[in-house]
N, C-alpha and C. Protein backbone atom coordinates (compact mmCIF):
# COMPACT_ATOMS: atom_id res chain seq x y z
N UNK A 1 -19.14 48.52 28.24
CA UNK A 1 -18.36 47.37 27.85
C UNK A 1 -16.87 47.77 27.87
N UNK A 2 -16.10 47.02 28.55
CA UNK A 2 -14.67 47.33 28.61
C UNK A 2 -13.94 46.96 27.36
N UNK A 3 -12.81 47.54 27.15
CA UNK A 3 -11.97 47.22 25.95
C UNK A 3 -11.07 46.04 26.28
N UNK A 4 -11.38 44.92 25.69
CA UNK A 4 -10.67 43.71 25.94
C UNK A 4 -9.25 43.72 25.37
N UNK A 5 -9.03 44.53 24.34
CA UNK A 5 -7.72 44.59 23.76
C UNK A 5 -6.70 45.26 24.67
N UNK A 6 -7.18 45.91 25.73
CA UNK A 6 -6.28 46.53 26.68
C UNK A 6 -5.94 45.59 27.83
N UNK A 7 -6.65 44.44 27.90
CA UNK A 7 -6.40 43.49 28.96
C UNK A 7 -5.10 42.72 28.75
N UNK A 8 -4.48 42.32 29.82
CA UNK A 8 -3.29 41.46 29.73
C UNK A 8 -3.73 40.02 29.45
N UNK A 9 -2.80 39.26 29.04
CA UNK A 9 -3.07 37.83 28.77
C UNK A 9 -3.60 37.16 30.05
N UNK A 10 -3.03 37.48 31.16
CA UNK A 10 -3.44 36.90 32.40
C UNK A 10 -4.90 37.24 32.76
N UNK A 11 -5.29 38.48 32.50
CA UNK A 11 -6.68 38.86 32.71
C UNK A 11 -7.63 38.14 31.75
N UNK A 12 -7.17 38.01 30.50
CA UNK A 12 -8.02 37.31 29.50
C UNK A 12 -8.19 35.83 29.88
N UNK A 13 -7.13 35.22 30.40
CA UNK A 13 -7.24 33.80 30.83
C UNK A 13 -8.26 33.70 31.96
N UNK A 14 -8.18 34.60 32.89
CA UNK A 14 -9.13 34.59 34.03
C UNK A 14 -10.54 34.72 33.52
N UNK A 15 -10.81 35.66 32.64
CA UNK A 15 -12.13 35.86 32.06
C UNK A 15 -12.59 34.64 31.24
N UNK A 16 -11.63 34.05 30.53
CA UNK A 16 -11.96 32.87 29.73
C UNK A 16 -12.37 31.68 30.61
N UNK A 17 -11.67 31.48 31.70
CA UNK A 17 -12.07 30.37 32.61
C UNK A 17 -13.44 30.57 33.17
N UNK A 18 -13.89 31.80 33.21
CA UNK A 18 -15.23 32.10 33.70
C UNK A 18 -16.28 31.97 32.61
N UNK A 19 -15.82 31.66 31.36
CA UNK A 19 -16.75 31.48 30.26
C UNK A 19 -17.02 32.69 29.42
N UNK A 20 -16.16 33.67 29.53
CA UNK A 20 -16.36 34.91 28.76
C UNK A 20 -15.96 34.73 27.31
N UNK A 21 -16.97 34.74 26.43
CA UNK A 21 -16.65 34.48 25.00
C UNK A 21 -15.96 35.69 24.35
N UNK A 22 -16.16 36.83 24.89
CA UNK A 22 -15.46 38.03 24.29
C UNK A 22 -13.99 37.93 24.62
N UNK A 23 -13.64 37.47 25.80
CA UNK A 23 -12.23 37.26 26.12
C UNK A 23 -11.61 36.24 25.21
N UNK A 24 -12.38 35.16 24.96
CA UNK A 24 -11.92 34.10 24.01
C UNK A 24 -11.68 34.73 22.65
N UNK A 25 -12.58 35.57 22.13
CA UNK A 25 -12.45 36.19 20.83
C UNK A 25 -11.22 37.11 20.81
N UNK A 26 -10.95 37.79 21.90
CA UNK A 26 -9.76 38.68 21.94
C UNK A 26 -8.47 37.83 21.92
N UNK A 27 -8.48 36.71 22.60
CA UNK A 27 -7.28 35.80 22.57
C UNK A 27 -7.08 35.29 21.16
N UNK A 28 -8.17 34.87 20.55
CA UNK A 28 -8.14 34.40 19.16
C UNK A 28 -7.54 35.46 18.25
N UNK A 29 -8.08 36.66 18.26
CA UNK A 29 -7.63 37.75 17.42
C UNK A 29 -6.18 38.14 17.70
N UNK A 30 -5.76 38.03 18.94
CA UNK A 30 -4.43 38.40 19.35
C UNK A 30 -3.36 37.41 18.84
N UNK A 31 -3.73 36.14 18.81
CA UNK A 31 -2.72 35.11 18.57
C UNK A 31 -2.86 34.34 17.26
N UNK A 32 -3.97 34.47 16.56
CA UNK A 32 -4.21 33.61 15.38
C UNK A 32 -3.14 33.76 14.30
N UNK A 33 -2.70 35.00 14.05
CA UNK A 33 -1.71 35.22 12.97
C UNK A 33 -0.34 34.66 13.40
N UNK A 34 0.05 34.93 14.59
CA UNK A 34 1.35 34.44 15.09
C UNK A 34 1.37 32.89 15.06
N UNK A 35 0.29 32.27 15.49
CA UNK A 35 0.21 30.83 15.50
C UNK A 35 0.21 30.29 14.07
N UNK A 36 -0.49 31.02 13.20
CA UNK A 36 -0.52 30.61 11.79
C UNK A 36 0.87 30.60 11.20
N UNK A 37 1.60 31.66 11.41
CA UNK A 37 2.98 31.79 10.86
C UNK A 37 3.87 30.69 11.42
N UNK A 38 3.75 30.48 12.72
CA UNK A 38 4.52 29.40 13.39
C UNK A 38 4.26 28.07 12.75
N UNK A 39 3.02 27.73 12.51
CA UNK A 39 2.63 26.42 11.93
C UNK A 39 2.95 26.38 10.49
N UNK A 40 2.81 27.49 9.79
CA UNK A 40 3.04 27.50 8.35
C UNK A 40 4.51 27.15 7.99
N UNK A 41 5.42 27.59 8.85
CA UNK A 41 6.86 27.31 8.65
C UNK A 41 7.10 25.80 8.65
N UNK A 42 6.30 25.05 9.38
CA UNK A 42 6.50 23.61 9.54
C UNK A 42 5.65 22.80 8.55
N UNK A 43 4.47 23.28 8.23
CA UNK A 43 3.55 22.50 7.36
C UNK A 43 3.51 23.01 5.93
N UNK A 44 3.43 24.32 5.75
CA UNK A 44 3.50 24.87 4.38
C UNK A 44 2.17 24.87 3.62
N UNK A 45 1.11 24.36 4.16
CA UNK A 45 -0.17 24.30 3.41
C UNK A 45 -1.18 25.16 4.17
N UNK A 46 -1.74 26.16 3.52
CA UNK A 46 -2.67 27.09 4.17
C UNK A 46 -3.80 26.41 4.90
N UNK A 47 -4.53 25.59 4.16
CA UNK A 47 -5.72 24.95 4.78
C UNK A 47 -5.37 24.08 5.97
N UNK A 48 -4.29 23.35 5.84
CA UNK A 48 -3.81 22.47 6.87
C UNK A 48 -3.43 23.26 8.09
N UNK A 49 -2.76 24.37 7.86
CA UNK A 49 -2.30 25.24 8.96
C UNK A 49 -3.49 25.85 9.69
N UNK A 50 -4.44 26.37 8.90
CA UNK A 50 -5.65 26.97 9.52
C UNK A 50 -6.43 25.94 10.30
N UNK A 51 -6.51 24.71 9.80
CA UNK A 51 -7.19 23.65 10.53
C UNK A 51 -6.50 23.40 11.87
N UNK A 52 -5.19 23.34 11.84
CA UNK A 52 -4.42 23.08 13.07
C UNK A 52 -4.66 24.20 14.07
N UNK A 53 -4.54 25.43 13.60
CA UNK A 53 -4.75 26.59 14.53
C UNK A 53 -6.17 26.61 15.05
N UNK A 54 -7.15 26.37 14.20
CA UNK A 54 -8.53 26.40 14.68
C UNK A 54 -8.81 25.28 15.64
N UNK A 55 -8.23 24.09 15.46
CA UNK A 55 -8.40 23.03 16.39
C UNK A 55 -7.83 23.35 17.75
N UNK A 56 -6.72 24.05 17.80
CA UNK A 56 -6.10 24.47 19.05
C UNK A 56 -7.07 25.44 19.79
N UNK A 57 -7.60 26.43 19.02
CA UNK A 57 -8.53 27.38 19.63
C UNK A 57 -9.82 26.73 20.05
N UNK A 58 -10.28 25.75 19.27
CA UNK A 58 -11.50 25.05 19.65
C UNK A 58 -11.28 24.31 20.96
N UNK A 59 -10.13 23.64 21.06
CA UNK A 59 -9.80 22.90 22.30
C UNK A 59 -9.71 23.90 23.50
N UNK A 60 -9.14 25.09 23.23
CA UNK A 60 -9.04 26.09 24.28
C UNK A 60 -10.44 26.47 24.80
N UNK A 61 -11.40 26.69 23.89
CA UNK A 61 -12.76 27.03 24.31
C UNK A 61 -13.44 25.87 25.02
N UNK A 62 -13.31 24.66 24.42
CA UNK A 62 -14.02 23.50 25.03
C UNK A 62 -13.51 23.20 26.40
N UNK A 63 -12.24 23.48 26.67
CA UNK A 63 -11.66 23.24 28.00
C UNK A 63 -11.42 24.48 28.85
N UNK A 64 -12.15 25.54 28.55
CA UNK A 64 -11.92 26.84 29.22
C UNK A 64 -12.13 26.78 30.73
N UNK A 65 -13.03 25.94 31.18
CA UNK A 65 -13.33 25.86 32.63
C UNK A 65 -12.16 25.19 33.40
N UNK A 66 -11.45 24.37 32.73
CA UNK A 66 -10.36 23.57 33.38
C UNK A 66 -8.98 24.01 33.01
N UNK A 67 -8.81 25.23 32.44
CA UNK A 67 -7.52 25.68 32.04
C UNK A 67 -6.57 25.83 33.20
N UNK A 68 -5.40 25.28 33.00
CA UNK A 68 -4.34 25.41 33.99
C UNK A 68 -3.07 25.79 33.28
N UNK A 69 -2.98 27.09 32.98
CA UNK A 69 -1.83 27.57 32.22
C UNK A 69 -0.79 28.06 33.20
N UNK A 70 0.34 27.28 33.23
CA UNK A 70 1.39 27.57 34.21
C UNK A 70 2.42 28.57 33.68
N UNK A 71 2.52 28.67 32.35
CA UNK A 71 3.43 29.67 31.79
C UNK A 71 2.60 30.76 31.15
N UNK A 72 3.17 31.43 30.22
CA UNK A 72 2.40 32.52 29.56
C UNK A 72 1.37 31.92 28.61
N UNK A 73 0.40 32.70 28.24
CA UNK A 73 -0.60 32.29 27.27
C UNK A 73 0.07 31.99 25.94
N UNK A 74 0.99 32.85 25.57
CA UNK A 74 1.73 32.69 24.30
C UNK A 74 2.42 31.33 24.26
N UNK A 75 3.14 30.95 25.33
CA UNK A 75 3.84 29.72 25.40
C UNK A 75 2.86 28.55 25.34
N UNK A 76 1.78 28.65 26.06
CA UNK A 76 0.74 27.62 26.06
C UNK A 76 0.21 27.36 24.65
N UNK A 77 -0.15 28.43 23.95
CA UNK A 77 -0.73 28.32 22.61
C UNK A 77 0.30 27.78 21.59
N UNK A 78 1.52 28.30 21.68
CA UNK A 78 2.58 27.83 20.76
C UNK A 78 2.87 26.31 20.98
N UNK A 79 2.91 25.95 22.27
CA UNK A 79 3.13 24.50 22.59
C UNK A 79 1.97 23.67 22.01
N UNK A 80 0.77 24.14 22.16
CA UNK A 80 -0.39 23.38 21.64
C UNK A 80 -0.31 23.26 20.12
N UNK A 81 0.06 24.36 19.43
CA UNK A 81 0.17 24.32 17.99
C UNK A 81 1.32 23.44 17.54
N UNK A 82 2.45 23.55 18.28
CA UNK A 82 3.59 22.69 17.95
C UNK A 82 3.24 21.22 18.05
N UNK A 83 2.51 20.84 19.11
CA UNK A 83 2.08 19.48 19.29
C UNK A 83 1.10 19.04 18.20
N UNK A 84 0.21 19.94 17.80
CA UNK A 84 -0.74 19.65 16.73
C UNK A 84 0.03 19.42 15.44
N UNK A 85 0.98 20.27 15.14
CA UNK A 85 1.79 20.15 13.94
C UNK A 85 2.59 18.86 13.94
N UNK A 86 3.14 18.51 15.08
CA UNK A 86 3.89 17.25 15.18
C UNK A 86 3.00 16.07 14.91
N UNK A 87 1.77 16.10 15.43
CA UNK A 87 0.81 15.00 15.14
C UNK A 87 0.49 14.92 13.65
N UNK A 88 0.32 16.09 13.01
CA UNK A 88 0.01 16.10 11.60
C UNK A 88 1.20 15.53 10.76
N UNK A 89 2.38 15.95 11.10
CA UNK A 89 3.56 15.48 10.41
C UNK A 89 3.72 13.96 10.59
N UNK A 90 3.49 13.52 11.82
CA UNK A 90 3.61 12.08 12.12
C UNK A 90 2.57 11.28 11.32
N UNK A 91 1.35 11.83 11.30
CA UNK A 91 0.29 11.17 10.53
C UNK A 91 0.63 11.10 9.03
N UNK A 92 1.24 12.17 8.50
CA UNK A 92 1.63 12.19 7.10
C UNK A 92 2.68 11.14 6.81
N UNK A 93 3.62 10.99 7.75
CA UNK A 93 4.69 9.98 7.58
C UNK A 93 4.13 8.57 7.59
N UNK A 94 3.18 8.36 8.47
CA UNK A 94 2.54 7.02 8.53
C UNK A 94 1.80 6.76 7.24
N UNK A 95 1.08 7.75 6.73
CA UNK A 95 0.36 7.62 5.47
C UNK A 95 1.32 7.35 4.31
N UNK A 96 2.45 8.07 4.32
CA UNK A 96 3.43 7.87 3.22
C UNK A 96 4.03 6.47 3.29
N UNK A 97 4.32 5.99 4.48
CA UNK A 97 4.83 4.59 4.61
C UNK A 97 3.78 3.58 4.18
N UNK A 98 2.52 3.82 4.50
CA UNK A 98 1.47 2.95 4.10
C UNK A 98 1.33 2.94 2.58
N UNK A 99 1.38 4.10 1.97
CA UNK A 99 1.30 4.22 0.51
C UNK A 99 2.49 3.49 -0.18
N UNK A 100 3.66 3.68 0.39
CA UNK A 100 4.84 3.01 -0.20
C UNK A 100 4.67 1.49 -0.10
N UNK A 101 4.23 1.06 1.06
CA UNK A 101 3.99 -0.37 1.29
C UNK A 101 2.97 -0.93 0.34
N UNK A 102 1.88 -0.16 0.17
CA UNK A 102 0.77 -0.60 -0.73
C UNK A 102 1.29 -0.61 -2.18
N UNK A 103 2.07 0.37 -2.59
CA UNK A 103 2.61 0.41 -3.94
C UNK A 103 3.55 -0.81 -4.21
N UNK A 104 4.35 -1.14 -3.19
CA UNK A 104 5.21 -2.31 -3.33
C UNK A 104 4.35 -3.56 -3.45
N UNK A 105 3.33 -3.66 -2.65
CA UNK A 105 2.44 -4.81 -2.69
C UNK A 105 1.80 -4.94 -4.10
N UNK A 106 1.34 -3.80 -4.64
CA UNK A 106 0.71 -3.87 -5.95
C UNK A 106 1.72 -4.30 -7.02
N UNK A 107 2.94 -3.84 -6.94
CA UNK A 107 3.95 -4.21 -7.93
C UNK A 107 4.25 -5.73 -7.85
N UNK A 108 4.39 -6.23 -6.63
CA UNK A 108 4.65 -7.65 -6.43
C UNK A 108 3.42 -8.48 -6.90
N UNK A 109 2.25 -7.99 -6.57
CA UNK A 109 1.03 -8.72 -6.95
C UNK A 109 0.92 -8.78 -8.50
N UNK A 110 1.28 -7.64 -9.14
CA UNK A 110 1.26 -7.61 -10.59
C UNK A 110 2.25 -8.60 -11.18
N UNK A 111 3.46 -8.68 -10.63
CA UNK A 111 4.43 -9.59 -11.15
C UNK A 111 3.94 -11.02 -10.93
N UNK A 112 3.38 -11.31 -9.76
CA UNK A 112 2.85 -12.66 -9.47
C UNK A 112 1.69 -13.02 -10.44
N UNK A 113 0.80 -12.07 -10.70
CA UNK A 113 -0.27 -12.30 -11.63
C UNK A 113 0.25 -12.52 -13.02
N UNK A 114 1.23 -11.74 -13.42
CA UNK A 114 1.84 -11.89 -14.75
C UNK A 114 2.44 -13.32 -14.86
N UNK A 115 3.12 -13.69 -13.83
CA UNK A 115 3.74 -15.03 -13.80
C UNK A 115 2.67 -16.14 -13.96
N UNK A 116 1.59 -16.00 -13.24
CA UNK A 116 0.51 -16.99 -13.37
C UNK A 116 -0.08 -17.03 -14.75
N UNK A 117 -0.26 -15.86 -15.36
CA UNK A 117 -0.79 -15.80 -16.73
C UNK A 117 0.17 -16.54 -17.69
N UNK A 118 1.41 -16.23 -17.54
CA UNK A 118 2.43 -16.90 -18.43
C UNK A 118 2.43 -18.41 -18.19
N UNK A 119 2.34 -18.79 -16.95
CA UNK A 119 2.33 -20.25 -16.62
C UNK A 119 1.13 -20.92 -17.28
N UNK A 120 -0.04 -20.30 -17.17
CA UNK A 120 -1.27 -20.84 -17.77
C UNK A 120 -1.08 -20.92 -19.30
N UNK A 121 -0.52 -19.89 -19.94
CA UNK A 121 -0.28 -19.90 -21.37
C UNK A 121 0.66 -21.04 -21.75
N UNK A 122 1.69 -21.22 -20.96
CA UNK A 122 2.65 -22.26 -21.22
C UNK A 122 2.01 -23.64 -21.11
N UNK A 123 1.19 -23.85 -20.07
CA UNK A 123 0.48 -25.10 -19.92
C UNK A 123 -0.40 -25.38 -21.12
N UNK A 124 -1.10 -24.36 -21.60
CA UNK A 124 -1.99 -24.57 -22.77
C UNK A 124 -1.19 -24.88 -24.02
N UNK A 125 -0.05 -24.21 -24.15
CA UNK A 125 0.82 -24.47 -25.30
C UNK A 125 1.36 -25.90 -25.29
N UNK A 126 1.78 -26.34 -24.15
CA UNK A 126 2.33 -27.73 -24.01
C UNK A 126 1.21 -28.71 -24.29
N UNK A 127 0.05 -28.49 -23.74
CA UNK A 127 -1.07 -29.42 -23.97
C UNK A 127 -1.44 -29.51 -25.46
N UNK A 128 -1.45 -28.37 -26.12
CA UNK A 128 -1.77 -28.36 -27.55
C UNK A 128 -0.70 -29.13 -28.33
N UNK A 129 0.55 -29.04 -27.99
CA UNK A 129 1.60 -29.73 -28.71
C UNK A 129 1.52 -31.25 -28.39
N UNK A 130 1.17 -31.60 -27.18
CA UNK A 130 1.03 -33.01 -26.82
C UNK A 130 -0.12 -33.64 -27.64
N UNK A 131 -1.23 -32.90 -27.76
CA UNK A 131 -2.37 -33.33 -28.50
C UNK A 131 -2.08 -33.49 -30.02
N UNK A 132 -1.06 -32.74 -30.52
CA UNK A 132 -0.66 -32.79 -31.91
C UNK A 132 0.18 -34.00 -32.24
N UNK A 133 0.68 -34.68 -31.24
CA UNK A 133 1.53 -35.88 -31.45
C UNK A 133 0.66 -37.00 -32.07
N UNK A 134 1.29 -37.90 -32.83
CA UNK A 134 0.55 -39.05 -33.33
C UNK A 134 -0.08 -39.83 -32.14
N UNK A 135 -1.19 -40.50 -32.40
CA UNK A 135 -2.01 -41.12 -31.35
C UNK A 135 -1.15 -42.05 -30.41
N UNK A 136 -0.44 -42.99 -30.96
CA UNK A 136 0.32 -43.96 -30.14
C UNK A 136 1.39 -43.26 -29.40
N UNK A 137 2.07 -42.28 -30.03
CA UNK A 137 3.15 -41.56 -29.36
C UNK A 137 2.59 -40.76 -28.21
N UNK A 138 1.43 -40.11 -28.42
CA UNK A 138 0.77 -39.33 -27.40
C UNK A 138 0.41 -40.20 -26.26
N UNK A 139 -0.16 -41.39 -26.55
CA UNK A 139 -0.56 -42.34 -25.49
C UNK A 139 0.61 -42.73 -24.63
N UNK A 140 1.72 -43.08 -25.27
CA UNK A 140 2.96 -43.48 -24.55
C UNK A 140 3.40 -42.30 -23.71
N UNK A 141 3.49 -41.12 -24.25
CA UNK A 141 3.95 -39.96 -23.56
C UNK A 141 3.09 -39.65 -22.35
N UNK A 142 1.78 -39.62 -22.51
CA UNK A 142 0.86 -39.30 -21.40
C UNK A 142 0.95 -40.33 -20.29
N UNK A 143 1.03 -41.62 -20.65
CA UNK A 143 1.14 -42.66 -19.62
C UNK A 143 2.45 -42.51 -18.86
N UNK A 144 3.50 -42.12 -19.54
CA UNK A 144 4.76 -41.96 -18.88
C UNK A 144 4.84 -40.72 -18.03
N UNK A 145 4.53 -39.57 -18.64
CA UNK A 145 4.73 -38.28 -17.97
C UNK A 145 3.55 -37.88 -17.09
N UNK A 146 2.35 -38.17 -17.45
CA UNK A 146 1.20 -37.74 -16.66
C UNK A 146 0.82 -38.77 -15.64
N UNK A 147 0.79 -40.03 -16.04
CA UNK A 147 0.35 -41.12 -15.15
C UNK A 147 1.50 -41.69 -14.33
N UNK A 148 2.72 -41.48 -14.80
CA UNK A 148 3.87 -41.92 -14.03
C UNK A 148 4.21 -43.41 -14.21
N UNK A 149 3.73 -44.00 -15.32
CA UNK A 149 3.97 -45.43 -15.52
C UNK A 149 5.42 -45.62 -15.98
N UNK A 150 5.96 -46.84 -15.70
CA UNK A 150 7.29 -47.19 -16.18
C UNK A 150 7.17 -47.68 -17.63
N UNK A 151 8.33 -47.86 -18.31
CA UNK A 151 8.32 -48.39 -19.62
C UNK A 151 7.68 -49.80 -19.68
N UNK A 152 8.03 -50.56 -18.71
CA UNK A 152 7.50 -51.96 -18.65
C UNK A 152 5.99 -51.95 -18.54
N UNK A 153 5.44 -51.10 -17.63
CA UNK A 153 3.97 -50.98 -17.46
C UNK A 153 3.29 -50.49 -18.71
N UNK A 154 3.90 -49.51 -19.35
CA UNK A 154 3.33 -48.99 -20.61
C UNK A 154 3.31 -50.07 -21.69
N UNK A 155 4.42 -50.81 -21.79
CA UNK A 155 4.56 -51.89 -22.79
C UNK A 155 3.45 -52.93 -22.60
N UNK A 156 3.26 -53.33 -21.34
CA UNK A 156 2.21 -54.33 -21.04
C UNK A 156 0.81 -53.78 -21.32
N UNK A 157 0.61 -52.55 -20.92
CA UNK A 157 -0.75 -51.95 -21.08
C UNK A 157 -1.10 -51.77 -22.56
N UNK A 158 -0.15 -51.32 -23.38
CA UNK A 158 -0.42 -51.05 -24.79
C UNK A 158 -0.04 -52.22 -25.70
N UNK A 159 0.43 -53.28 -25.09
CA UNK A 159 0.85 -54.45 -25.85
C UNK A 159 1.93 -54.13 -26.88
N UNK A 160 2.97 -53.43 -26.35
CA UNK A 160 4.13 -53.05 -27.18
C UNK A 160 5.39 -53.58 -26.51
N UNK A 161 6.49 -53.57 -27.24
CA UNK A 161 7.78 -53.96 -26.62
C UNK A 161 8.31 -52.76 -25.87
N UNK A 162 9.17 -53.01 -24.92
CA UNK A 162 9.77 -51.91 -24.16
C UNK A 162 10.62 -51.04 -25.05
N UNK A 163 11.25 -51.62 -26.03
CA UNK A 163 12.07 -50.85 -26.97
C UNK A 163 11.20 -49.88 -27.77
N UNK A 164 10.00 -50.33 -28.16
CA UNK A 164 9.07 -49.50 -28.90
C UNK A 164 8.66 -48.31 -28.01
N UNK A 165 8.37 -48.61 -26.77
CA UNK A 165 7.95 -47.57 -25.82
C UNK A 165 9.07 -46.54 -25.66
N UNK A 166 10.32 -47.08 -25.53
CA UNK A 166 11.48 -46.18 -25.40
C UNK A 166 11.60 -45.31 -26.66
N UNK A 167 11.47 -45.87 -27.83
CA UNK A 167 11.62 -45.13 -29.08
C UNK A 167 10.49 -44.09 -29.21
N UNK A 168 9.28 -44.46 -28.85
CA UNK A 168 8.16 -43.52 -28.89
C UNK A 168 8.37 -42.34 -27.99
N UNK A 169 8.86 -42.59 -26.75
CA UNK A 169 9.15 -41.54 -25.80
C UNK A 169 10.22 -40.59 -26.33
N UNK A 170 11.24 -41.20 -26.89
CA UNK A 170 12.38 -40.41 -27.43
C UNK A 170 11.86 -39.50 -28.54
N UNK A 171 11.08 -40.03 -29.46
CA UNK A 171 10.53 -39.27 -30.58
C UNK A 171 9.57 -38.17 -30.08
N UNK A 172 8.74 -38.50 -29.08
CA UNK A 172 7.81 -37.50 -28.52
C UNK A 172 8.55 -36.34 -27.91
N UNK A 173 9.57 -36.63 -27.10
CA UNK A 173 10.37 -35.59 -26.44
C UNK A 173 11.10 -34.76 -27.49
N UNK A 174 11.66 -35.44 -28.51
CA UNK A 174 12.34 -34.70 -29.56
C UNK A 174 11.41 -33.74 -30.29
N UNK A 175 10.21 -34.21 -30.64
CA UNK A 175 9.28 -33.36 -31.35
C UNK A 175 8.83 -32.20 -30.46
N UNK A 176 8.53 -32.47 -29.23
CA UNK A 176 8.10 -31.41 -28.30
C UNK A 176 9.18 -30.34 -28.12
N UNK A 177 10.42 -30.84 -27.99
CA UNK A 177 11.52 -29.91 -27.78
C UNK A 177 11.66 -29.01 -28.97
N UNK A 178 11.56 -29.55 -30.17
CA UNK A 178 11.67 -28.73 -31.39
C UNK A 178 10.52 -27.74 -31.46
N UNK A 179 9.29 -28.25 -31.27
CA UNK A 179 8.13 -27.36 -31.41
C UNK A 179 8.03 -26.32 -30.30
N UNK A 180 8.32 -26.74 -29.07
CA UNK A 180 8.17 -25.81 -27.96
C UNK A 180 9.38 -24.90 -27.77
N UNK A 181 10.53 -25.32 -28.23
CA UNK A 181 11.74 -24.52 -27.98
C UNK A 181 11.62 -23.08 -28.42
N UNK A 182 11.23 -22.89 -29.68
CA UNK A 182 11.10 -21.48 -30.18
C UNK A 182 9.93 -20.81 -29.56
N UNK A 183 8.81 -21.51 -29.34
CA UNK A 183 7.64 -20.91 -28.72
C UNK A 183 7.90 -20.46 -27.32
N UNK A 184 8.68 -21.26 -26.55
CA UNK A 184 8.97 -20.91 -25.16
C UNK A 184 9.85 -19.65 -25.15
N UNK A 185 10.76 -19.53 -26.04
CA UNK A 185 11.55 -18.31 -26.11
C UNK A 185 10.69 -17.12 -26.36
N UNK A 186 9.81 -17.22 -27.35
CA UNK A 186 8.89 -16.12 -27.64
C UNK A 186 8.00 -15.77 -26.43
N UNK A 187 7.48 -16.78 -25.77
CA UNK A 187 6.60 -16.54 -24.64
C UNK A 187 7.28 -15.79 -23.53
N UNK A 188 8.54 -16.12 -23.24
CA UNK A 188 9.23 -15.45 -22.16
C UNK A 188 9.79 -14.07 -22.55
N UNK A 189 9.96 -13.87 -23.82
CA UNK A 189 10.38 -12.52 -24.29
C UNK A 189 9.21 -11.57 -24.18
N UNK A 190 8.02 -12.03 -24.55
CA UNK A 190 6.84 -11.19 -24.48
C UNK A 190 6.51 -10.98 -23.05
């Protein structure tokens, strides 16, 4: 058995293209540390760097029959690792942008949800205060504000004068303003 560590890179490439696994092992042993250091300077994580280096060597073995190395083996391997590192960095940047986008979405969604909760609380509060109005006053208020009836229509429907309807609306709005004013302030502070 010949000593593969004495072979030149060119000889090892020739043996590798013929499927010589010992030549492949010699190439791996000869360049793994250099490629690791090269990739580590750019990535900084051991496991990630070893994964990149091993993927390059795996690709070298899987494509050994079709190797067309026009420069030196060292240049070929460094270029392959550089490209692998660039892909990893690019993927990390895409992931970071996605996470930033997702975080922004969650923050906006939280604000929207909070707004809806406050709106529902406000609606319940207003409804409770309307229900607390005296019966006739509540009837006038609901016909005016909820049903959209005019003073004249309300007066005819409830058999009241338009002035009475006007006075009832005024009193209802006044009471609601007093009751809801301080509660609205508290609701929006919380």
